[in-house]
Amino acid sequence: MTDRQKRGSKITNLLDLEVENINDLSDVKKLADWFLDKNINYHPEDDLNYYETNDGQKLFTKIIGDRLNHLWLQAFHNCNQKDVWSIILRRHNVLVSSKGIDYDVELTENEKRVMKELNNG
């Protein structure tokens, strides 16, 4: 199990995820931001059903893992893949930078806000 696939608390619902389907890049941003807000270092091509908490429990229930997997498939099917990857990598850089790895990345205002919140939290 990779470090990317290890996390703290089990996620049992998606009540705070503000997207039901991926129709455009604004939906991709919401999905990527949800992972960032949860502090989950993920890869959208991984089967999220295999992600575990630090104590070895499944991070997502089967229903949640399947739903998130489906949303990423929709993202790559319904949007330009280059744009999807750009969004994912920007969010990943925010997450990694918050853990002390410095990248030379120009952040959007929302990403700067999230960085500030992560660094102060």
N, C-alpha and C. Protein backbone atom coordinates (compact mmCIF):
# COMPACT_ATOMS: atom_id res chain seq x y z
N MET A 1 0.85 -1.17 0.00
CA MET A 1 0.00 0.00 0.00
C MET A 1 0.91 1.25 0.00
N THR A 2 0.69 2.14 -0.93
CA THR A 2 1.51 3.34 -1.02
C THR A 2 1.06 4.37 0.00
N ASP A 3 1.94 5.34 0.29
CA ASP A 3 1.55 6.43 1.19
C ASP A 3 0.35 7.18 0.65
N ARG A 4 0.26 7.29 -0.68
CA ARG A 4 -0.87 8.00 -1.28
C ARG A 4 -2.17 7.31 -0.91
N GLN A 5 -2.13 6.00 -0.74
CA GLN A 5 -3.34 5.24 -0.48
C GLN A 5 -3.64 5.08 1.00
N LYS A 6 -2.89 5.73 1.87
CA LYS A 6 -3.12 5.67 3.32
C LYS A 6 -3.67 7.01 3.79
N ARG A 7 -4.65 6.98 4.66
CA ARG A 7 -5.28 8.21 5.18
C ARG A 7 -5.75 7.98 6.59
N GLY A 8 -6.24 9.06 7.20
CA GLY A 8 -6.71 9.03 8.58
C GLY A 8 -8.10 8.45 8.76
N SER A 9 -9.13 9.21 8.58
CA SER A 9 -10.49 8.81 8.93
C SER A 9 -11.26 8.24 7.74
N LYS A 10 -12.06 7.22 8.04
CA LYS A 10 -12.91 6.61 7.01
C LYS A 10 -13.97 7.60 6.55
N ILE A 11 -14.25 7.61 5.24
CA ILE A 11 -15.25 8.50 4.66
C ILE A 11 -16.46 7.66 4.30
N THR A 12 -17.61 7.98 4.91
CA THR A 12 -18.80 7.15 4.75
C THR A 12 -19.94 7.83 4.00
N ASN A 13 -19.76 9.10 3.61
CA ASN A 13 -20.80 9.77 2.83
C ASN A 13 -20.18 10.87 1.98
N LEU A 14 -20.95 11.35 1.03
CA LEU A 14 -20.49 12.40 0.13
C LEU A 14 -21.38 13.64 0.26
N LEU A 15 -21.94 13.86 1.46
CA LEU A 15 -22.87 14.97 1.65
C LEU A 15 -22.23 16.32 1.36
N ASP A 16 -20.93 16.44 1.55
CA ASP A 16 -20.26 17.71 1.33
C ASP A 16 -19.65 17.84 -0.08
N LEU A 17 -19.85 16.84 -0.92
CA LEU A 17 -19.38 16.91 -2.31
C LEU A 17 -20.45 17.62 -3.13
N GLU A 18 -20.09 18.75 -3.71
CA GLU A 18 -21.06 19.62 -4.38
C GLU A 18 -21.25 19.31 -5.86
N VAL A 19 -21.07 18.05 -6.24
CA VAL A 19 -21.25 17.66 -7.64
C VAL A 19 -21.83 16.25 -7.69
N GLU A 20 -22.84 16.07 -8.56
CA GLU A 20 -23.43 14.74 -8.72
C GLU A 20 -22.94 14.05 -9.98
N ASN A 21 -22.63 14.84 -11.00
CA ASN A 21 -22.10 14.33 -12.27
C ASN A 21 -21.06 15.31 -12.77
N ILE A 22 -20.15 14.81 -13.57
CA ILE A 22 -19.12 15.66 -14.16
C ILE A 22 -19.56 16.00 -15.58
N ASN A 23 -19.96 17.24 -15.77
CA ASN A 23 -20.40 17.71 -17.09
C ASN A 23 -19.41 18.66 -17.74
N ASP A 24 -18.61 19.34 -16.92
CA ASP A 24 -17.66 20.32 -17.44
C ASP A 24 -16.54 20.52 -16.43
N LEU A 25 -15.61 21.41 -16.76
CA LEU A 25 -14.43 21.59 -15.90
C LEU A 25 -14.77 22.18 -14.54
N SER A 26 -15.86 22.93 -14.44
CA SER A 26 -16.23 23.44 -13.12
C SER A 26 -16.57 22.29 -12.18
N ASP A 27 -17.16 21.22 -12.72
CA ASP A 27 -17.44 20.04 -11.90
C ASP A 27 -16.16 19.32 -11.53
N VAL A 28 -15.21 19.26 -12.45
CA VAL A 28 -13.91 18.64 -12.15
C VAL A 28 -13.23 19.40 -11.01
N LYS A 29 -13.28 20.72 -11.06
CA LYS A 29 -12.67 21.52 -10.00
C LYS A 29 -13.32 21.24 -8.65
N LYS A 30 -14.64 21.10 -8.63
CA LYS A 30 -15.33 20.79 -7.37
C LYS A 30 -14.89 19.43 -6.83
N LEU A 31 -14.77 18.45 -7.71
CA LEU A 31 -14.35 17.12 -7.29
C LEU A 31 -12.91 17.15 -6.78
N ALA A 32 -12.02 17.78 -7.52
CA ALA A 32 -10.62 17.87 -7.10
C ALA A 32 -10.49 18.65 -5.79
N ASP A 33 -11.28 19.71 -5.65
CA ASP A 33 -11.25 20.49 -4.40
C ASP A 33 -11.75 19.67 -3.22
N TRP A 34 -12.71 18.78 -3.46
CA TRP A 34 -13.22 17.93 -2.39
C TRP A 34 -12.08 17.05 -1.85
N PHE A 35 -11.30 16.46 -2.76
CA PHE A 35 -10.16 15.64 -2.33
C PHE A 35 -9.14 16.50 -1.59
N LEU A 36 -8.90 17.70 -2.08
CA LEU A 36 -7.95 18.61 -1.43
C LEU A 36 -8.44 18.98 -0.03
N ASP A 37 -9.71 19.32 0.08
CA ASP A 37 -10.28 19.68 1.38
C ASP A 37 -10.20 18.53 2.38
N LYS A 38 -10.27 17.30 1.87
CA LYS A 38 -10.16 16.12 2.73
C LYS A 38 -8.71 15.73 2.97
N ASN A 39 -7.77 16.47 2.34
CA ASN A 39 -6.35 16.21 2.49
C ASN A 39 -5.98 14.81 1.99
N ILE A 40 -6.63 14.40 0.89
CA ILE A 40 -6.38 13.07 0.32
C ILE A 40 -5.46 13.21 -0.88
N ASN A 41 -4.31 12.59 -0.79
CA ASN A 41 -3.37 12.53 -1.90
C ASN A 41 -3.77 11.31 -2.73
N TYR A 42 -4.32 11.52 -3.89
CA TYR A 42 -4.93 10.46 -4.68
C TYR A 42 -4.41 10.52 -6.12
N HIS A 43 -4.73 9.48 -6.85
CA HIS A 43 -4.50 9.47 -8.29
C HIS A 43 -5.83 9.09 -8.92
N PRO A 44 -6.35 9.89 -9.85
CA PRO A 44 -7.70 9.65 -10.39
C PRO A 44 -7.85 8.37 -11.20
N GLU A 45 -6.74 7.74 -11.54
CA GLU A 45 -6.83 6.47 -12.26
C GLU A 45 -6.73 5.27 -11.32
N ASP A 46 -6.48 5.52 -10.03
CA ASP A 46 -6.48 4.44 -9.04
C ASP A 46 -7.92 4.01 -8.75
N ASP A 47 -8.09 2.76 -8.37
CA ASP A 47 -9.37 2.31 -7.85
C ASP A 47 -9.41 2.74 -6.39
N LEU A 48 -10.25 3.71 -6.10
CA LEU A 48 -10.30 4.29 -4.75
C LEU A 48 -10.81 3.31 -3.71
N ASN A 49 -11.38 2.19 -4.14
CA ASN A 49 -11.82 1.17 -3.19
C ASN A 49 -10.65 0.52 -2.46
N TYR A 50 -9.43 0.69 -2.97
CA TYR A 50 -8.26 0.10 -2.33
C TYR A 50 -7.55 1.06 -1.38
N TYR A 51 -7.99 2.28 -1.30
CA TYR A 51 -7.37 3.23 -0.38
C TYR A 51 -7.75 2.86 1.05
N GLU A 52 -6.78 3.00 1.96
CA GLU A 52 -6.99 2.61 3.34
C GLU A 52 -6.65 3.75 4.29
N THR A 53 -7.23 3.67 5.48
CA THR A 53 -6.85 4.59 6.54
C THR A 53 -5.50 4.13 7.09
N ASN A 54 -4.89 4.96 7.92
CA ASN A 54 -3.58 4.61 8.48
C ASN A 54 -3.64 3.36 9.35
N ASP A 55 -4.84 3.04 9.88
CA ASP A 55 -4.96 1.84 10.71
C ASP A 55 -5.47 0.62 9.94
N GLY A 56 -5.45 0.69 8.59
CA GLY A 56 -5.75 -0.48 7.77
C GLY A 56 -7.19 -0.68 7.36
N GLN A 57 -8.10 0.23 7.75
CA GLN A 57 -9.49 0.13 7.32
C GLN A 57 -9.63 0.73 5.93
N LYS A 58 -10.67 0.33 5.22
CA LYS A 58 -10.96 0.94 3.93
C LYS A 58 -11.28 2.41 4.15
N LEU A 59 -10.68 3.30 3.34
CA LEU A 59 -10.94 4.73 3.47
C LEU A 59 -12.37 5.05 3.06
N PHE A 60 -12.84 4.41 1.99
CA PHE A 60 -14.18 4.65 1.47
C PHE A 60 -15.01 3.37 1.57
N THR A 61 -16.30 3.52 1.82
CA THR A 61 -17.19 2.38 1.67
C THR A 61 -17.19 1.99 0.19
N LYS A 62 -17.64 0.81 -0.12
CA LYS A 62 -17.68 0.35 -1.52
C LYS A 62 -18.53 1.29 -2.37
N ILE A 63 -19.66 1.71 -1.85
CA ILE A 63 -20.56 2.61 -2.60
C ILE A 63 -19.87 3.95 -2.86
N ILE A 64 -19.20 4.49 -1.86
CA ILE A 64 -18.51 5.78 -2.02
C ILE A 64 -17.34 5.65 -2.99
N GLY A 65 -16.53 4.60 -2.81
CA GLY A 65 -15.40 4.38 -3.72
C GLY A 65 -15.85 4.23 -5.16
N ASP A 66 -16.91 3.45 -5.36
CA ASP A 66 -17.43 3.26 -6.72
C ASP A 66 -17.94 4.58 -7.29
N ARG A 67 -18.61 5.37 -6.48
CA ARG A 67 -19.16 6.66 -6.95
C ARG A 67 -18.03 7.61 -7.35
N LEU A 68 -16.99 7.70 -6.52
CA LEU A 68 -15.86 8.58 -6.83
C LEU A 68 -15.13 8.09 -8.08
N ASN A 69 -14.94 6.78 -8.19
CA ASN A 69 -14.32 6.22 -9.40
C ASN A 69 -15.12 6.61 -10.64
N HIS A 70 -16.44 6.49 -10.55
CA HIS A 70 -17.31 6.83 -11.67
C HIS A 70 -17.20 8.32 -12.04
N LEU A 71 -17.13 9.18 -11.03
CA LEU A 71 -17.00 10.61 -11.31
C LEU A 71 -15.70 10.91 -12.05
N TRP A 72 -14.60 10.24 -11.67
CA TRP A 72 -13.34 10.47 -12.39
C TRP A 72 -13.43 9.95 -13.82
N LEU A 73 -14.11 8.84 -14.02
CA LEU A 73 -14.30 8.34 -15.39
C LEU A 73 -15.11 9.35 -16.21
N GLN A 74 -16.15 9.92 -15.60
CA GLN A 74 -16.93 10.95 -16.29
C GLN A 74 -16.06 12.15 -16.63
N ALA A 75 -15.19 12.53 -15.72
CA ALA A 75 -14.33 13.70 -15.96
C ALA A 75 -13.49 13.49 -17.21
N PHE A 76 -12.87 12.33 -17.33
CA PHE A 76 -12.01 12.07 -18.48
C PHE A 76 -12.80 11.81 -19.75
N HIS A 77 -14.03 11.38 -19.61
CA HIS A 77 -14.87 11.14 -20.78
C HIS A 77 -15.53 12.43 -21.29
N ASN A 78 -15.98 13.28 -20.38
CA ASN A 78 -16.77 14.46 -20.75
C ASN A 78 -15.97 15.73 -20.94
N CYS A 79 -14.72 15.73 -20.51
CA CYS A 79 -13.89 16.95 -20.59
C CYS A 79 -12.58 16.64 -21.30
N ASN A 80 -11.92 17.68 -21.74
CA ASN A 80 -10.60 17.55 -22.35
C ASN A 80 -9.63 16.99 -21.32
N GLN A 81 -8.98 15.87 -21.64
CA GLN A 81 -8.10 15.21 -20.67
C GLN A 81 -6.96 16.11 -20.20
N LYS A 82 -6.41 16.90 -21.11
CA LYS A 82 -5.32 17.80 -20.73
C LYS A 82 -5.80 18.80 -19.67
N ASP A 83 -7.01 19.32 -19.84
CA ASP A 83 -7.55 20.26 -18.86
C ASP A 83 -7.83 19.58 -17.52
N VAL A 84 -8.33 18.35 -17.57
CA VAL A 84 -8.59 17.61 -16.33
C VAL A 84 -7.29 17.40 -15.58
N TRP A 85 -6.26 16.95 -16.29
CA TRP A 85 -4.96 16.72 -15.64
C TRP A 85 -4.38 18.02 -15.08
N SER A 86 -4.57 19.11 -15.79
CA SER A 86 -4.08 20.40 -15.31
C SER A 86 -4.71 20.75 -13.96
N ILE A 87 -6.00 20.54 -13.85
CA ILE A 87 -6.70 20.82 -12.59
C ILE A 87 -6.19 19.90 -11.49
N ILE A 88 -6.10 18.62 -11.80
CA ILE A 88 -5.65 17.65 -10.80
C ILE A 88 -4.25 17.98 -10.31
N LEU A 89 -3.35 18.29 -11.24
CA LEU A 89 -1.96 18.57 -10.86
C LEU A 89 -1.85 19.86 -10.05
N ARG A 90 -2.65 20.86 -10.38
CA ARG A 90 -2.64 22.09 -9.58
C ARG A 90 -3.06 21.80 -8.15
N ARG A 91 -4.13 21.01 -7.98
CA ARG A 91 -4.60 20.67 -6.64
C ARG A 91 -3.56 19.83 -5.91
N HIS A 92 -2.93 18.90 -6.64
CA HIS A 92 -1.90 18.07 -6.03
C HIS A 92 -0.74 18.93 -5.54
N ASN A 93 -0.34 19.91 -6.34
CA ASN A 93 0.76 20.79 -5.94
C ASN A 93 0.40 21.56 -4.68
N VAL A 94 -0.85 21.97 -4.55
CA VAL A 94 -1.29 22.66 -3.32
C VAL A 94 -1.14 21.71 -2.13
N LEU A 95 -1.61 20.48 -2.30
CA LEU A 95 -1.53 19.50 -1.21
C LEU A 95 -0.09 19.20 -0.84
N VAL A 96 0.74 18.95 -1.83
CA VAL A 96 2.14 18.62 -1.57
C VAL A 96 2.88 19.82 -0.97
N SER A 97 2.61 21.00 -1.47
CA SER A 97 3.26 22.20 -0.93
C SER A 97 2.88 22.41 0.53
N SER A 98 1.66 22.07 0.89
CA SER A 98 1.22 22.24 2.27
C SER A 98 1.96 21.30 3.20
N LYS A 99 2.56 20.25 2.64
CA LYS A 99 3.32 19.29 3.44
C LYS A 99 4.80 19.62 3.46
N GLY A 100 5.18 20.78 2.89
CA GLY A 100 6.54 21.25 3.00
C GLY A 100 7.43 21.02 1.79
N ILE A 101 6.89 20.50 0.71
CA ILE A 101 7.67 20.33 -0.52
C ILE A 101 7.42 21.56 -1.37
N ASP A 102 8.47 22.26 -1.75
CA ASP A 102 8.32 23.52 -2.46
C ASP A 102 8.40 23.31 -3.97
N TYR A 103 7.33 23.71 -4.66
CA TYR A 103 7.30 23.71 -6.11
C TYR A 103 7.13 25.14 -6.59
N ASP A 104 7.69 25.46 -7.73
CA ASP A 104 7.52 26.78 -8.31
C ASP A 104 6.24 26.74 -9.15
N VAL A 105 5.10 27.03 -8.50
CA VAL A 105 3.78 26.93 -9.13
C VAL A 105 3.03 28.24 -8.90
N GLU A 106 2.45 28.77 -9.96
CA GLU A 106 1.60 29.93 -9.82
C GLU A 106 0.20 29.45 -9.48
N LEU A 107 -0.32 29.83 -8.30
CA LEU A 107 -1.59 29.35 -7.82
C LEU A 107 -2.71 30.33 -8.13
N THR A 108 -3.92 29.78 -8.30
CA THR A 108 -5.10 30.63 -8.44
C THR A 108 -5.44 31.20 -7.07
N GLU A 109 -6.35 32.17 -7.03
CA GLU A 109 -6.75 32.76 -5.75
C GLU A 109 -7.36 31.72 -4.82
N ASN A 110 -8.19 30.81 -5.36
CA ASN A 110 -8.79 29.76 -4.55
C ASN A 110 -7.72 28.84 -3.99
N GLU A 111 -6.74 28.48 -4.81
CA GLU A 111 -5.67 27.62 -4.35
C GLU A 111 -4.83 28.31 -3.27
N LYS A 112 -4.61 29.62 -3.42
CA LYS A 112 -3.89 30.37 -2.39
C LYS A 112 -4.66 30.37 -1.08
N ARG A 113 -6.01 30.52 -1.19
CA ARG A 113 -6.85 30.51 0.01
C ARG A 113 -6.75 29.15 0.71
N VAL A 114 -6.83 28.08 -0.08
CA VAL A 114 -6.75 26.74 0.49
C VAL A 114 -5.39 26.52 1.13
N MET A 115 -4.32 26.95 0.45
CA MET A 115 -2.98 26.83 1.01
C MET A 115 -2.87 27.53 2.35
N LYS A 116 -3.41 28.75 2.41
CA LYS A 116 -3.37 29.51 3.66
C LYS A 116 -4.11 28.77 4.77
N GLU A 117 -5.30 28.24 4.43
CA GLU A 117 -6.08 27.49 5.42
C GLU A 117 -5.33 26.24 5.88
N LEU A 118 -4.73 25.52 4.94
CA LEU A 118 -3.99 24.31 5.29
C LEU A 118 -2.78 24.64 6.16
N ASN A 119 -2.08 25.71 5.83
CA ASN A 119 -0.88 26.08 6.60
C ASN A 119 -1.22 26.60 7.98
N ASN A 120 -2.39 27.20 8.13
CA ASN A 120 -2.80 27.72 9.43
C ASN A 120 -3.55 26.68 10.26
N GLY A 121 -3.95 25.59 9.62
CA GLY A 121 -4.76 24.57 10.30
C GLY A 121 -3.97 23.49 10.84
